[in-house]
Amino acid sequence: MSVGVVAPVQSAQETAEQRARPASRRAVRINGARVVSSVAVVLLFVFIFGPLLWLVLWAFAGAWRYPALLPQQWSLSWWLKVFDYPSLLHSVALSFIFAPIVTALSAVICLPAAYAFSRLRIPGRRALMISLFSVNAFPMIGLYITIATLFYALNLMGTFFGVVLIQLLGTIVFMTWIPTAAFSAVPRSFEDAARDVGASRLRTFFSVTLPLAAPGIFVAMVLAFLVSLDTAQGTFLVGIPNYVTMPVQMYSLVSDYPPEAAAVFAVLLAIPSVILMLLVRKHVMGGALAHGFQV
């Protein structure tokens, strides 16, 4: 083979190798990123579901001693003892009475505000929405104690309405921000089209805007329901001794019984949350609210 033929062949091989090097480097980076992502997902899974698994194991443990990784004995005895707890059924009933009332009242108060935040150009709108987070920006127990002094002056301590108000406080962020995002995600062109064919503002709202925003509102109401159901500190400070809900009952159960009983009660508290979150999963993960949050 002559020199003139060999040189182009070598040049072509070198060019192919140079092209292959960046490709191989990109493949290494992509594989490395996948490994890191997989490890992060596994750690997140363990962080979230590890405590839940630990609770479930304790709830069915008859005997579990160190260094065993699993209970040496399995038993339902603590479930029977928890269900024999004198005021358990009354606490469950109270929790499921307060939660719907608080959720409905929160919707009545917050949904008009959410629609206004979405559709009206209110001066200082962003500052007002961000200020809603101030409710959760401080330790809740300190906030509850401060509110309790006001409730004493208004004779709301130990009253049904006092418990409703203190639980309502934790639902404001969910029932304002998420519906605002839901209303903002509804294209204005749909509303304009309805108005063009003669629909009034009220009919446009109930026929176009509200049905399209309904999934986001449903998510907010489910989260508000769960917040009310799980509120312990505020209900404890305001409701004791007249109104003892499930989370408040758990305080006395934890102090009077061994960990197995507390684990059983924690599992009972988690069941409504898991069921309701599964119901709204497709609306939360579907991305329909992502655009609306750009308010």
Protein backbone atom coordinates (compact mmCIF):
# COMPACT_ATOMS: atom_id res chain seq x y z
CA MET A 1 0.00 0.00 0.00
CA SER A 2 1.39 3.38 -0.94
CA VAL A 3 1.98 6.21 1.49
CA GLY A 4 -0.77 8.28 -0.15
CA VAL A 5 -3.35 5.57 0.65
CA VAL A 6 -2.17 4.82 4.22
CA ALA A 7 -2.31 8.45 5.36
CA PRO A 8 -6.04 8.98 4.70
CA VAL A 9 -6.85 5.65 6.36
CA GLN A 10 -4.93 6.60 9.50
CA SER A 11 -6.53 10.03 9.48
CA ALA A 12 -9.99 8.49 9.26
CA GLN A 13 -9.23 6.13 12.15
CA GLU A 14 -7.96 8.99 14.30
CA THR A 15 -11.09 11.01 13.52
CA ALA A 16 -13.32 8.08 14.47
CA GLU A 17 -11.43 7.63 17.76
CA GLN A 18 -11.75 11.34 18.55
CA ARG A 19 -15.48 11.14 17.95
CA ALA A 20 -15.81 8.03 20.08
CA ARG A 21 -14.03 9.59 23.09
CA PRO A 22 -16.63 12.33 23.77
CA ALA A 23 -19.41 9.79 23.23
CA SER A 24 -17.87 7.43 25.75
CA ARG A 25 -17.39 10.26 28.21
CA ARG A 26 -21.03 11.28 27.83
CA ALA A 27 -22.06 7.66 28.39
CA VAL A 28 -19.98 7.54 31.58
CA ARG A 29 -21.53 10.79 32.82
CA ILE A 30 -25.04 9.57 32.01
CA ASN A 31 -24.44 6.25 33.77
CA GLY A 32 -22.95 8.06 36.76
CA ALA A 33 -25.95 10.38 36.94
CA ARG A 34 -28.29 7.38 36.81
CA VAL A 35 -26.41 5.68 39.64
CA VAL A 36 -26.55 8.82 41.79
CA SER A 37 -30.26 9.26 41.05
CA SER A 38 -30.96 5.63 41.90
CA VAL A 39 -29.09 5.92 45.21
CA ALA A 40 -30.97 9.15 46.02
CA VAL A 41 -34.31 7.49 45.28
CA VAL A 42 -33.43 4.51 47.48
CA LEU A 43 -32.35 6.80 50.34
CA LEU A 44 -35.53 8.86 49.99
CA PHE A 45 -37.62 5.69 49.98
CA VAL A 46 -35.89 4.46 53.15
CA PHE A 47 -36.22 7.88 54.80
CA ILE A 48 -39.97 8.10 54.06
CA PHE A 49 -41.10 4.51 54.37
CA GLY A 50 -38.55 3.26 56.90
CA PRO A 51 -40.34 4.78 59.94
CA LEU A 52 -43.70 3.54 58.63
CA LEU A 53 -42.34 0.03 58.26
CA TRP A 54 -40.88 0.24 61.77
CA LEU A 55 -44.30 1.28 63.13
CA VAL A 56 -46.06 -1.58 61.36
CA LEU A 57 -43.57 -4.11 62.74
CA TRP A 58 -44.00 -2.75 66.27
CA ALA A 59 -47.79 -2.83 65.92
CA PHE A 60 -47.75 -6.58 65.30
CA ALA A 61 -44.83 -7.45 67.59
CA GLY A 62 -45.44 -9.73 70.53
CA ALA A 63 -41.76 -9.66 71.55
CA TRP A 64 -38.93 -7.74 69.92
CA ARG A 65 -35.59 -7.53 71.66
CA TYR A 66 -32.19 -6.29 70.54
CA PRO A 67 -30.26 -7.32 68.42
CA ALA A 68 -33.01 -9.08 66.42
CA LEU A 69 -33.87 -7.31 63.17
CA LEU A 70 -37.44 -8.65 63.23
CA PRO A 71 -39.83 -9.39 66.11
CA GLN A 72 -39.29 -12.78 67.73
CA GLN A 73 -43.03 -13.13 68.24
CA TRP A 74 -46.04 -11.82 66.35
CA SER A 75 -49.25 -10.88 68.10
CA LEU A 76 -52.54 -8.98 67.74
CA SER A 77 -52.88 -8.49 71.48
CA TRP A 78 -52.03 -4.77 71.39
CA TRP A 79 -54.64 -4.15 68.71
CA LEU A 80 -57.24 -5.66 71.01
CA LYS A 81 -56.04 -3.57 73.95
CA VAL A 82 -56.12 -0.36 71.91
CA PHE A 83 -59.65 -1.06 70.69
CA ASP A 84 -60.65 -1.75 74.31
CA TYR A 85 -59.34 1.69 75.30
CA PRO A 86 -62.34 3.37 76.97
CA SER A 87 -62.52 6.63 75.00
CA LEU A 88 -61.05 5.49 71.68
CA LEU A 89 -64.30 5.35 69.72
CA HIS A 90 -65.36 8.73 71.07
CA SER A 91 -62.02 10.23 69.99
CA VAL A 92 -62.35 8.73 66.50
CA ALA A 93 -65.88 10.13 66.19
CA LEU A 94 -64.74 13.59 67.30
CA SER A 95 -61.88 13.60 64.79
CA PHE A 96 -64.22 12.75 61.93
CA ILE A 97 -66.70 15.38 63.08
CA PHE A 98 -64.17 18.20 63.30
CA ALA A 99 -62.32 17.41 60.05
CA PRO A 100 -65.27 17.84 57.62
CA ILE A 101 -66.49 20.98 59.41
CA VAL A 102 -63.03 22.57 59.37
CA THR A 103 -62.53 21.61 55.71
CA ALA A 104 -65.89 23.05 54.65
CA LEU A 105 -65.36 26.28 56.63
CA SER A 106 -61.84 26.62 55.21
CA ALA A 107 -63.22 26.22 51.67
CA VAL A 108 -65.89 28.88 52.26
CA ILE A 109 -63.28 31.35 53.54
CA CYS A 110 -60.30 30.58 51.30
CA LEU A 111 -61.75 29.70 47.87
CA PRO A 112 -63.06 33.24 47.16
CA ALA A 113 -59.67 34.59 48.20
CA ALA A 114 -57.92 32.05 45.94
CA TYR A 115 -60.08 33.09 42.97
CA ALA A 116 -59.33 36.75 43.67
CA PHE A 117 -55.59 36.06 43.87
CA SER A 118 -55.78 34.23 40.54
CA ARG A 119 -58.00 36.53 38.48
CA LEU A 120 -57.74 40.02 40.03
CA ARG A 121 -54.73 42.30 39.96
CA ILE A 122 -54.64 43.04 43.67
CA PRO A 123 -51.91 45.46 44.80
CA GLY A 124 -49.31 43.54 46.80
CA ARG A 125 -50.75 40.22 45.68
CA ARG A 126 -47.43 38.34 45.88
CA ALA A 127 -46.64 39.79 49.30
CA LEU A 128 -50.07 38.77 50.57
CA MET A 129 -49.71 35.21 49.29
CA ILE A 130 -46.20 34.83 50.69
CA SER A 131 -47.40 36.21 54.03
CA LEU A 132 -49.74 33.23 54.31
CA PHE A 133 -46.66 31.12 54.96
CA SER A 134 -46.01 33.14 58.10
CA VAL A 135 -48.50 30.87 59.83
CA ASN A 136 -46.02 28.01 59.44
CA ALA A 137 -42.85 30.10 59.71
CA PHE A 138 -42.72 29.90 63.51
CA PRO A 139 -42.96 27.01 65.99
CA MET A 140 -46.64 26.13 66.09
CA ILE A 141 -46.71 25.48 69.83
CA GLY A 142 -45.64 29.09 70.50
CA LEU A 143 -48.32 30.35 68.13
CA TYR A 144 -50.95 28.16 69.79
CA ILE A 145 -50.01 29.42 73.26
CA THR A 146 -50.30 33.02 72.08
CA ILE A 147 -53.69 32.31 70.53
CA ALA A 148 -54.79 30.53 73.71
CA THR A 149 -54.45 33.78 75.67
CA LEU A 150 -56.88 35.39 73.23
CA PHE A 151 -59.21 32.40 73.44
CA TYR A 152 -59.26 32.71 77.23
CA ALA A 153 -60.41 36.32 76.90
CA LEU A 154 -63.12 35.31 74.41
CA ASN A 155 -64.23 32.28 76.46
CA LEU A 156 -63.39 29.89 73.61
CA MET A 157 -61.18 27.52 75.61
CA GLY A 158 -62.71 24.07 75.88
CA THR A 159 -65.40 24.88 73.32
CA PHE A 160 -66.30 23.22 70.03
CA PHE A 161 -65.94 26.45 68.07
CA GLY A 162 -62.55 27.10 69.67
CA VAL A 163 -61.24 23.74 68.43
CA VAL A 164 -62.62 24.45 64.95
CA LEU A 165 -60.83 27.82 64.84
CA ILE A 166 -57.48 26.44 66.01
CA GLN A 167 -57.62 23.62 63.46
CA LEU A 168 -58.69 26.05 60.75
CA LEU A 169 -55.43 27.92 61.19
CA GLY A 170 -53.38 25.07 59.73
CA THR A 171 -55.51 24.73 56.60
CA ILE A 172 -55.22 28.30 55.29
CA VAL A 173 -52.03 27.78 53.28
CA PHE A 174 -53.28 24.66 51.48
CA MET A 175 -56.76 26.03 50.83
CA THR A 176 -55.41 29.28 49.38
CA TRP A 177 -52.25 28.39 47.46
CA ILE A 178 -53.42 25.19 45.74
CA PRO A 179 -56.82 26.55 44.57
CA THR A 180 -55.06 29.73 43.40
CA ALA A 181 -52.81 27.54 41.27
CA ALA A 182 -55.82 25.56 40.06
CA PHE A 183 -57.71 28.71 39.00
CA SER A 184 -54.58 30.15 37.37
CA ALA A 185 -54.12 26.95 35.35
CA VAL A 186 -57.51 27.45 33.67
CA PRO A 187 -56.87 29.20 30.32
CA ARG A 188 -58.58 32.56 30.13
CA SER A 189 -59.40 31.85 26.50
CA PHE A 190 -61.95 29.24 27.66
CA GLU A 191 -63.69 31.83 29.80
CA ASP A 192 -63.57 34.38 26.99
CA ALA A 193 -65.14 31.86 24.60
CA ALA A 194 -68.00 31.25 27.03
CA ARG A 195 -68.56 34.99 27.44
CA ASP A 196 -68.55 35.44 23.65
CA VAL A 197 -71.49 33.07 23.24
CA GLY A 198 -73.52 34.97 25.81
CA ALA A 199 -72.72 33.29 29.16
CA SER A 200 -72.76 35.55 32.21
CA ARG A 201 -69.78 35.80 34.54
CA LEU A 202 -71.52 33.63 37.09
CA ARG A 203 -72.45 30.95 34.56
CA THR A 204 -68.95 31.05 33.09
CA PHE A 205 -67.50 30.45 36.54
CA PHE A 206 -69.76 27.50 37.39
CA SER A 207 -69.75 25.97 33.88
CA VAL A 208 -66.12 26.50 32.82
CA THR A 209 -63.76 27.73 35.52
CA LEU A 210 -64.92 25.70 38.51
CA PRO A 211 -65.10 22.30 36.73
CA LEU A 212 -61.60 22.74 35.31
CA ALA A 213 -60.19 23.87 38.67
CA ALA A 214 -62.09 21.18 40.60
CA PRO A 215 -59.21 18.60 40.73
CA GLY A 216 -56.88 21.15 42.35
CA ILE A 217 -59.60 22.24 44.78
CA PHE A 218 -60.20 18.59 45.64
CA VAL A 219 -56.50 18.12 46.41
CA ALA A 220 -56.55 21.19 48.68
CA MET A 221 -59.64 19.95 50.52
CA VAL A 222 -58.10 16.52 51.08
CA LEU A 223 -54.93 18.10 52.50
CA ALA A 224 -57.00 20.43 54.70
CA PHE A 225 -58.99 17.43 55.93
CA LEU A 226 -55.77 15.61 56.85
CA VAL A 227 -54.35 18.68 58.60
CA SER A 228 -57.48 18.93 60.73
CA LEU A 229 -57.46 15.21 61.40
CA ASP A 230 -53.81 15.25 62.56
CA THR A 231 -53.74 18.51 64.53
CA ALA A 232 -52.65 17.58 68.04
CA GLN A 233 -50.98 20.48 69.85
CA GLY A 234 -53.60 23.12 69.09
CA THR A 235 -56.49 20.76 69.82
CA PHE A 236 -54.79 19.71 73.05
CA LEU A 237 -54.37 23.28 74.28
CA VAL A 238 -57.84 24.47 73.31
CA GLY A 239 -60.01 21.36 73.54
CA ILE A 240 -58.85 19.63 76.73
CA PRO A 241 -60.69 18.23 78.64
CA ASN A 242 -63.95 18.47 76.71
CA TYR A 243 -62.75 17.51 73.22
CA VAL A 244 -60.15 14.77 72.93
CA THR A 245 -59.50 13.81 69.31
CA MET A 246 -57.41 10.90 68.03
CA PRO A 247 -54.03 12.72 67.98
CA VAL A 248 -54.65 14.09 71.48
CA GLN A 249 -55.67 10.64 72.67
CA MET A 250 -52.38 9.33 71.38
CA TYR A 251 -50.50 11.54 73.87
CA SER A 252 -52.06 9.75 76.82
CA LEU A 253 -51.70 6.39 75.10
CA VAL A 254 -47.98 6.90 74.56
CA SER A 255 -47.43 7.97 78.16
CA ASP A 256 -49.46 5.11 79.68
CA TYR A 257 -48.69 2.17 77.42
CA PRO A 258 -45.59 0.54 75.88
CA PRO A 259 -44.38 1.29 72.31
CA GLU A 260 -46.50 -1.46 70.76
CA ALA A 261 -49.73 0.32 71.71
CA ALA A 262 -48.45 3.65 70.43
CA ALA A 263 -47.45 1.98 67.15
CA VAL A 264 -50.95 0.52 66.76
CA PHE A 265 -52.50 3.93 67.29
CA ALA A 266 -50.05 5.55 64.87
CA VAL A 267 -50.99 3.02 62.19
CA LEU A 268 -54.67 3.77 62.79
CA LEU A 269 -53.95 7.49 62.35
CA ALA A 270 -51.99 6.84 59.15
CA ILE A 271 -54.69 4.77 57.42
CA PRO A 272 -56.98 7.74 56.47
CA SER A 273 -53.95 9.72 55.26
CA VAL A 274 -52.73 6.90 53.01
CA ILE A 275 -56.19 6.29 51.54
CA LEU A 276 -56.88 9.96 50.82
CA MET A 277 -53.42 10.60 49.38
CA LEU A 278 -53.88 7.66 47.01
CA LEU A 279 -57.13 9.25 45.85
CA VAL A 280 -55.45 12.55 44.94
CA ARG A 281 -52.17 11.05 43.69
CA LYS A 282 -52.96 11.41 39.98
CA HIS A 283 -53.94 15.06 40.43
CA VAL A 284 -50.80 15.88 42.42
CA MET A 285 -48.38 14.01 40.14
CA GLY A 286 -50.06 14.78 36.85
CA GLY A 287 -48.54 18.26 36.56
CA ALA A 288 -51.85 20.02 35.94
CA LEU A 289 -51.14 22.51 38.74
CA ALA A 290 -47.54 23.27 37.76
CA HIS A 291 -48.40 26.23 35.54
CA GLY A 292 -50.78 27.66 38.09
CA PHE A 293 -48.10 27.90 40.76
CA GLN A 294 -46.33 30.55 38.67
CA VAL A 295 -48.41 33.25 40.31
